[in-house]
Amino acid sequence: MAKTSDFLSQTSGKLNDQFTTRQTAHGTILARNARKTSTPRRSELQARGRCQMPNIAANFKLYDGKLMQAFEGKPAGVSDFNAFMQANWGLGPVYITRQMRIAGCCVLAESRFSQGSLAPIGYSVNGAGVLVSDLAIGSLVIDGETKVMDLSEAVETNNYGWEDGDQLTLFYGTQWEDADGMPRATMTSQKVVLDLMNEQLLWDVVSEQGFCSVPVSGNSGSYVLGMGLALANAGAAYVHSRDKDGGTKVSSQKLKVVSEILATYQTDAAMKRSADSYGGINTKSVYLNPTSSLAQNQGAGLLPSGGGSSDTGGSSTGTETGDDTPSGGSTMPGEGD
């Protein structure tokens, strides 16, 4: 501490978080405040909510502006970003740390990227790891000679609710880890507009890997639309869209992801790492919270060898109800009322 004789000589009290002045018989003393150990104010429940936000935002960025009007009927003033955040809040939370967010990292997640009034396109991953849709294309076998008009006719003829001028889009994301073990992802897209008069070769418009014929199991000669490669640390989805009355109608879709990396960022440990990077979680009372998954039992046994009533605060003859108040004793305020 040090004496002061300048303008501080008439002051007394806390100046800021670091220093305090105090008047004494010998003058004004400037002292450094004692360092306080801060306690995280965020609860586990709050952390689970807030720590999923960075990766949701990172996934939105992957689509690079292609989700304009992807959420039908969103309120005026609500941005595409906010609509995306709301649609994916709590939907398979993924947790990255603050350092990862700053570094631009992203874990490819099964995000809901569109929401609308058109019937959704169903899809699944078959035994070969290939994304297969439920869009029937009849007997059409797509190859290098297939034209846009051929696919258009097959889709419109074999599926209810499709018409000329509709757009079929494929989003395809890839996931990897860089040299530092940080999760990275990219997203590409391709689209075709159905047109019964378009004689362009289909694979000149979209890729062979994204638009292929997949045989229907148990139905010889029938095919559905699917991809031409297996998903491995990747995600994909088709979406149906239509221009209607000056607006865009879309089907509600989620990205289908097959990734070992994704699972590692959906655990309780990943959530705790993320929360710790943002200041931690207040775990003082979390052990008695039935919904908590962070506070675990300690030790393999029940009581130390030779443990007696003094270890539990009860008597050796106490019951399991916790009613161990000594005869004639009193309860604490608020207890037993």
Protein backbone atom coordinates (compact mmCIF):
# COMPACT_ATOMS: atom_id res chain seq x y z
CA MET A 1 0.00 0.00 0.00
CA ALA A 2 1.10 3.60 -0.46
CA LYS A 3 0.33 7.07 0.90
CA THR A 4 -1.22 9.63 -1.41
CA SER A 5 -1.26 13.40 -1.17
CA ASP A 6 -3.01 14.41 -4.39
CA PHE A 7 -6.73 14.66 -5.18
CA LEU A 8 -7.28 11.28 -3.49
CA SER A 9 -6.48 12.81 -0.11
CA GLN A 10 -10.09 13.82 0.38
CA THR A 11 -11.67 10.58 -0.81
CA SER A 12 -12.37 7.31 0.91
CA GLY A 13 -13.84 4.08 -0.42
CA LYS A 14 -13.58 1.73 -3.36
CA LEU A 15 -12.18 3.31 -6.50
CA ASN A 16 -12.62 0.33 -8.81
CA ASP A 17 -12.25 -3.43 -8.80
CA GLN A 18 -8.54 -3.13 -8.00
CA PHE A 19 -8.03 -0.28 -5.51
CA THR A 20 -9.60 1.23 -2.37
CA THR A 21 -8.70 4.46 -0.54
CA ARG A 22 -8.83 4.79 3.23
CA GLN A 23 -8.31 7.87 5.43
CA THR A 24 -5.99 7.42 8.41
CA ALA A 25 -4.30 9.68 10.93
CA HIS A 26 -1.21 9.54 8.78
CA GLY A 27 -2.96 10.45 5.53
CA THR A 28 -4.78 8.68 2.72
CA ILE A 29 -3.84 5.07 2.08
CA LEU A 30 -4.26 3.50 -1.36
CA ALA A 31 -4.63 -0.26 -1.06
CA ARG A 32 -5.14 -3.05 -3.53
CA ASN A 33 -8.42 -4.94 -3.12
CA ALA A 34 -8.27 -8.55 -2.10
CA ARG A 35 -8.73 -10.86 -5.05
CA LYS A 36 -12.08 -12.59 -4.96
CA THR A 37 -12.76 -16.02 -6.34
CA SER A 38 -15.65 -15.64 -8.72
CA THR A 39 -18.44 -18.20 -8.84
CA PRO A 40 -19.98 -18.96 -12.24
CA ARG A 41 -23.51 -17.63 -12.32
CA ARG A 42 -24.79 -19.83 -15.13
CA SER A 43 -26.68 -22.96 -14.15
CA GLU A 44 -26.34 -26.27 -15.95
CA LEU A 45 -29.73 -25.77 -17.60
CA GLN A 46 -28.73 -22.32 -18.84
CA ALA A 47 -25.41 -23.67 -20.11
CA ARG A 48 -27.11 -26.43 -22.06
CA GLY A 49 -29.22 -23.81 -23.79
CA ARG A 50 -26.65 -21.14 -24.45
CA CYS A 51 -23.70 -23.35 -25.36
CA GLN A 52 -25.53 -24.87 -28.32
CA MET A 53 -25.92 -21.46 -29.98
CA PRO A 54 -22.41 -21.13 -31.51
CA ASN A 55 -22.66 -24.33 -33.55
CA ILE A 56 -26.19 -23.58 -34.74
CA ALA A 57 -24.92 -20.23 -36.00
CA ALA A 58 -21.91 -21.90 -37.63
CA ASN A 59 -24.21 -24.32 -39.48
CA PHE A 60 -26.36 -21.47 -40.77
CA LYS A 61 -23.22 -19.83 -42.17
CA LEU A 62 -22.44 -23.04 -44.10
CA TYR A 63 -25.45 -22.47 -46.37
CA ASP A 64 -23.88 -19.21 -47.55
CA GLY A 65 -27.06 -17.21 -48.10
CA LYS A 66 -28.97 -20.01 -49.84
CA LEU A 67 -31.67 -20.16 -47.15
CA MET A 68 -33.42 -16.94 -48.11
CA GLN A 69 -37.20 -17.59 -47.90
CA ALA A 70 -36.49 -21.11 -46.62
CA PHE A 71 -38.87 -20.57 -43.69
CA GLU A 72 -42.40 -19.88 -44.83
CA GLY A 73 -44.63 -17.65 -42.78
CA LYS A 74 -41.93 -16.28 -40.51
CA PRO A 75 -43.06 -13.07 -38.78
CA ALA A 76 -42.16 -9.73 -40.30
CA GLY A 77 -38.84 -8.53 -38.96
CA VAL A 78 -37.56 -12.04 -38.25
CA SER A 79 -34.40 -12.71 -40.24
CA ASP A 80 -33.51 -15.97 -41.93
CA PHE A 81 -30.79 -16.37 -39.33
CA ASN A 82 -33.21 -16.00 -36.42
CA ALA A 83 -35.69 -18.38 -38.05
CA PHE A 84 -32.90 -20.95 -38.44
CA MET A 85 -31.82 -20.50 -34.81
CA GLN A 86 -35.38 -20.92 -33.54
CA ALA A 87 -36.00 -24.00 -35.70
CA ASN A 88 -32.86 -25.74 -34.40
CA TRP A 89 -32.89 -24.72 -30.74
CA GLY A 90 -32.75 -27.93 -28.71
CA LEU A 91 -32.77 -30.10 -31.85
CA GLY A 92 -29.92 -32.51 -31.12
CA PRO A 93 -27.67 -29.94 -29.38
CA VAL A 94 -24.03 -29.80 -30.44
CA TYR A 95 -21.43 -28.06 -28.28
CA ILE A 96 -18.22 -26.36 -29.39
CA THR A 97 -15.91 -24.23 -27.26
CA ARG A 98 -15.44 -20.48 -27.40
CA GLN A 99 -12.00 -21.00 -28.95
CA MET A 100 -13.53 -23.13 -31.70
CA ARG A 101 -16.16 -20.49 -32.41
CA ILE A 102 -13.51 -17.78 -32.72
CA ALA A 103 -11.49 -20.02 -35.05
CA GLY A 104 -14.51 -20.48 -37.34
CA CYS A 105 -15.03 -24.16 -36.55
CA CYS A 106 -18.25 -26.04 -37.27
CA VAL A 107 -19.66 -29.46 -36.48
CA LEU A 108 -21.99 -30.55 -39.26
CA ALA A 109 -25.35 -31.12 -37.56
CA GLU A 110 -28.75 -32.53 -38.53
CA SER A 111 -30.18 -29.03 -38.86
CA ARG A 112 -33.69 -28.15 -39.96
CA PHE A 113 -32.85 -25.84 -42.85
CA SER A 114 -36.31 -25.32 -44.37
CA GLN A 115 -39.86 -25.21 -43.11
CA GLY A 116 -42.89 -24.83 -45.31
CA SER A 117 -46.17 -26.03 -46.76
CA LEU A 118 -45.00 -28.46 -49.46
CA ALA A 119 -44.91 -32.14 -48.58
CA PRO A 120 -41.49 -33.11 -47.20
CA ILE A 121 -39.19 -35.40 -49.13
CA GLY A 122 -38.43 -38.51 -47.13
CA TYR A 123 -34.97 -40.02 -47.17
CA SER A 124 -32.89 -42.57 -45.34
CA VAL A 125 -29.45 -44.16 -45.49
CA ASN A 126 -29.43 -47.69 -46.92
CA GLY A 127 -27.13 -50.54 -46.01
CA ALA A 128 -24.45 -49.25 -48.35
CA GLY A 129 -24.45 -45.85 -46.63
CA VAL A 130 -26.14 -44.13 -49.58
CA LEU A 131 -28.80 -41.45 -49.07
CA VAL A 132 -32.00 -42.68 -50.70
CA SER A 133 -35.08 -40.49 -51.13
CA ASP A 134 -38.72 -41.53 -51.40
CA LEU A 135 -39.08 -39.75 -54.76
CA ALA A 136 -40.25 -42.47 -57.13
CA ILE A 137 -38.94 -42.22 -60.69
CA GLY A 138 -40.63 -45.34 -62.11
CA SER A 139 -38.47 -47.33 -64.48
CA LEU A 140 -36.08 -44.44 -65.24
CA VAL A 141 -32.44 -45.47 -65.03
CA ILE A 142 -30.42 -42.27 -64.87
CA ASP A 143 -27.23 -42.32 -66.91
CA GLY A 144 -25.14 -40.03 -69.07
CA GLU A 145 -27.87 -39.82 -71.71
CA THR A 146 -30.70 -38.86 -69.34
CA LYS A 147 -32.12 -35.40 -69.98
CA VAL A 148 -33.73 -32.93 -67.62
CA MET A 149 -37.05 -33.59 -69.34
CA ASP A 150 -36.73 -37.30 -68.56
CA LEU A 151 -36.26 -36.73 -64.84
CA SER A 152 -39.04 -34.13 -64.87
CA GLU A 153 -41.51 -36.55 -66.40
CA ALA A 154 -40.49 -39.34 -64.00
CA VAL A 155 -40.87 -37.16 -60.90
CA GLU A 156 -44.11 -35.45 -61.94
CA THR A 157 -45.74 -38.70 -63.08
CA ASN A 158 -44.83 -40.84 -60.08
CA ASN A 159 -45.16 -38.36 -57.20
CA TYR A 160 -48.18 -36.39 -56.06
CA GLY A 161 -47.78 -32.63 -55.70
CA TRP A 162 -44.99 -32.05 -58.22
CA GLU A 163 -45.39 -29.88 -61.32
CA ASP A 164 -43.40 -28.22 -64.06
CA GLY A 165 -41.36 -25.30 -62.79
CA ASP A 166 -40.71 -26.88 -59.38
CA GLN A 167 -37.13 -26.96 -58.17
CA LEU A 168 -35.31 -29.93 -56.67
CA THR A 169 -32.22 -28.97 -54.66
CA LEU A 170 -29.56 -31.10 -53.03
CA PHE A 171 -27.43 -29.82 -50.15
CA TYR A 172 -24.27 -31.79 -49.42
CA GLY A 173 -21.95 -31.10 -46.49
CA THR A 174 -18.58 -32.60 -45.63
CA GLN A 175 -16.91 -32.83 -42.21
CA TRP A 176 -13.30 -33.25 -41.18
CA GLU A 177 -10.79 -32.29 -38.49
CA ASP A 178 -7.80 -30.08 -39.25
CA ALA A 179 -4.22 -30.68 -38.11
CA ASP A 180 -5.07 -29.22 -34.69
CA GLY A 181 -8.05 -31.54 -34.23
CA MET A 182 -10.54 -28.72 -34.78
CA PRO A 183 -13.84 -29.59 -36.53
CA ARG A 184 -14.27 -28.07 -39.99
CA ALA A 185 -17.15 -28.33 -42.44
CA THR A 186 -18.18 -27.11 -45.89
CA MET A 187 -21.48 -27.14 -47.77
CA THR A 188 -22.20 -27.37 -51.49
CA SER A 189 -25.50 -27.33 -53.34
CA GLN A 190 -26.92 -28.15 -56.75
CA LYS A 191 -30.38 -27.78 -58.23
CA VAL A 192 -32.51 -28.69 -61.20
CA VAL A 193 -35.78 -27.04 -62.29
CA LEU A 194 -38.32 -29.51 -63.64
CA ASP A 195 -39.12 -28.77 -67.27
CA LEU A 196 -40.80 -31.23 -69.64
CA MET A 197 -39.27 -29.35 -72.60
CA ASN A 198 -35.68 -29.12 -71.38
CA GLU A 199 -33.38 -31.32 -73.48
CA GLN A 200 -30.20 -30.55 -71.53
CA LEU A 201 -28.35 -33.57 -70.23
CA LEU A 202 -29.18 -33.98 -66.55
CA TRP A 203 -25.59 -34.52 -65.47
CA ASP A 204 -24.57 -31.29 -67.21
CA VAL A 205 -26.89 -29.49 -64.78
CA VAL A 206 -26.34 -31.53 -61.61
CA SER A 207 -23.76 -34.11 -60.59
CA GLU A 208 -23.80 -37.85 -61.05
CA GLN A 209 -23.01 -38.23 -57.35
CA GLY A 210 -26.14 -36.31 -56.34
CA PHE A 211 -28.79 -37.57 -58.76
CA CYS A 212 -28.88 -41.31 -59.43
CA SER A 213 -31.37 -44.15 -59.75
CA VAL A 214 -31.53 -46.48 -56.75
CA PRO A 215 -33.40 -49.80 -57.17
CA VAL A 216 -36.40 -50.31 -54.92
CA SER A 217 -35.87 -53.37 -52.76
CA GLY A 218 -38.35 -56.12 -53.59
CA ASN A 219 -39.82 -54.23 -56.54
CA SER A 220 -37.91 -55.21 -59.64
CA GLY A 221 -37.75 -52.54 -62.32
CA SER A 222 -38.73 -49.65 -60.02
CA TYR A 223 -36.36 -46.92 -58.89
CA VAL A 224 -36.21 -43.95 -56.54
CA LEU A 225 -33.93 -40.92 -56.64
CA GLY A 226 -30.81 -41.13 -54.52
CA MET A 227 -27.15 -40.30 -54.37
CA GLY A 228 -24.30 -42.03 -56.11
CA LEU A 229 -21.91 -42.17 -53.16
CA ALA A 230 -21.97 -43.27 -49.54
CA LEU A 231 -22.16 -40.71 -46.75
CA ALA A 232 -19.07 -40.82 -44.54
CA ASN A 233 -18.42 -37.85 -42.26
CA ALA A 234 -20.91 -36.04 -44.46
CA GLY A 235 -24.52 -34.92 -44.61
CA ALA A 236 -27.07 -34.45 -47.36
CA ALA A 237 -30.71 -33.60 -48.01
CA TYR A 238 -33.09 -32.87 -50.87
CA VAL A 239 -35.61 -30.03 -50.72
CA HIS A 240 -38.62 -29.23 -52.90
CA SER A 241 -39.40 -25.57 -53.69
CA ARG A 242 -41.88 -23.67 -55.85
CA ASP A 243 -42.55 -20.10 -56.88
CA LYS A 244 -46.15 -19.36 -55.94
CA ASP A 245 -47.98 -16.01 -56.04
CA GLY A 246 -44.74 -14.07 -55.85
CA GLY A 247 -43.43 -16.07 -52.90
CA THR A 248 -41.44 -19.24 -52.34
CA LYS A 249 -43.05 -22.45 -51.08
CA VAL A 250 -40.74 -25.08 -49.62
CA SER A 251 -40.83 -28.52 -48.06
CA SER A 252 -39.73 -28.95 -44.45
CA GLN A 253 -36.36 -30.70 -44.41
CA LYS A 254 -33.49 -31.67 -42.13
CA LEU A 255 -29.95 -32.55 -43.10
CA LYS A 256 -29.17 -36.26 -42.75
CA VAL A 257 -25.69 -36.65 -41.25
CA VAL A 258 -23.47 -39.72 -40.98
CA SER A 259 -20.44 -38.71 -38.93
CA GLU A 260 -18.32 -40.08 -36.12
CA ILE A 261 -17.22 -36.53 -35.35
CA LEU A 262 -20.76 -35.34 -34.65
CA ALA A 263 -21.32 -37.76 -31.77
CA THR A 264 -18.24 -36.56 -29.88
CA TYR A 265 -19.68 -33.04 -29.66
CA GLN A 266 -23.10 -34.10 -28.35
CA THR A 267 -21.97 -35.55 -25.03
CA ASP A 268 -22.18 -34.14 -21.50
CA ALA A 269 -18.40 -33.84 -21.53
CA ALA A 270 -18.55 -31.70 -24.68
CA MET A 271 -21.18 -29.47 -23.06
CA LYS A 272 -18.99 -29.01 -19.97
CA ARG A 273 -15.94 -28.14 -22.09
CA SER A 274 -18.00 -25.58 -23.94
CA ALA A 275 -19.44 -24.12 -20.74
CA ASP A 276 -16.01 -23.96 -19.10
CA SER A 277 -14.69 -21.98 -22.06
CA TYR A 278 -17.42 -19.40 -21.42
CA GLY A 279 -16.86 -19.11 -17.66
CA GLY A 280 -18.09 -22.40 -16.27
CA ILE A 281 -21.21 -23.68 -14.55
CA ASN A 282 -22.38 -23.10 -10.99
CA THR A 283 -22.43 -26.69 -9.73
CA LYS A 284 -22.96 -26.00 -6.01
CA SER A 285 -26.42 -27.50 -5.93
CA VAL A 286 -26.34 -29.57 -9.07
CA TYR A 287 -25.76 -32.90 -7.27
CA LEU A 288 -29.29 -32.94 -5.82
CA ASN A 289 -30.91 -31.96 -9.12
CA PRO A 290 -32.44 -35.11 -10.70
CA THR A 291 -31.98 -33.67 -14.21
CA SER A 292 -28.25 -33.04 -13.81
CA SER A 293 -25.82 -35.31 -15.58
CA LEU A 294 -22.63 -33.53 -14.52
CA ALA A 295 -22.42 -34.39 -10.81
CA GLN A 296 -21.49 -38.05 -10.47
CA ASN A 297 -21.19 -40.33 -7.46
CA GLN A 298 -17.74 -40.43 -5.93
CA GLY A 299 -16.01 -43.56 -4.69
CA ALA A 300 -16.85 -47.19 -5.22
CA GLY A 301 -18.14 -48.00 -1.74
CA LEU A 302 -20.87 -46.67 0.50
CA LEU A 303 -19.27 -45.72 3.82
CA PRO A 304 -15.65 -45.78 5.02
CA SER A 305 -14.73 -48.83 7.07
CA GLY A 306 -15.79 -48.29 10.68
CA GLY A 307 -18.07 -45.40 9.81
CA GLY A 308 -20.64 -44.72 12.50
CA SER A 309 -23.49 -42.42 13.30
CA SER A 310 -21.19 -39.42 13.39
CA ASP A 311 -20.58 -39.86 9.65
CA THR A 312 -24.24 -39.34 8.76
CA GLY A 313 -25.42 -37.03 11.49
CA GLY A 314 -27.89 -39.69 12.71
CA SER A 315 -27.95 -42.16 15.55
CA SER A 316 -27.14 -45.84 15.18
CA THR A 317 -30.79 -46.67 15.66
CA GLY A 318 -32.17 -43.98 13.36
CA THR A 319 -34.73 -44.92 10.73
CA GLU A 320 -34.37 -44.47 6.98
CA THR A 321 -36.81 -41.57 6.98
CA GLY A 322 -34.20 -39.13 8.24
CA ASP A 323 -36.18 -38.54 11.47
CA ASP A 324 -33.15 -38.51 13.73
CA THR A 325 -34.03 -35.48 15.89
CA PRO A 326 -32.89 -36.17 19.47
CA SER A 327 -35.62 -36.50 22.10
CA GLY A 328 -36.62 -33.08 23.34
CA GLY A 329 -34.67 -31.39 20.55
CA SER A 330 -35.95 -28.88 18.00
CA THR A 331 -35.87 -28.68 14.23
CA MET A 332 -34.27 -25.89 12.21
CA PRO A 333 -36.54 -23.00 11.17
CA GLY A 334 -38.86 -24.15 8.42
CA GLU A 335 -38.40 -27.85 9.10
CA GLY A 336 -41.14 -30.11 10.46
CA ASP A 337 -43.79 -27.38 10.03
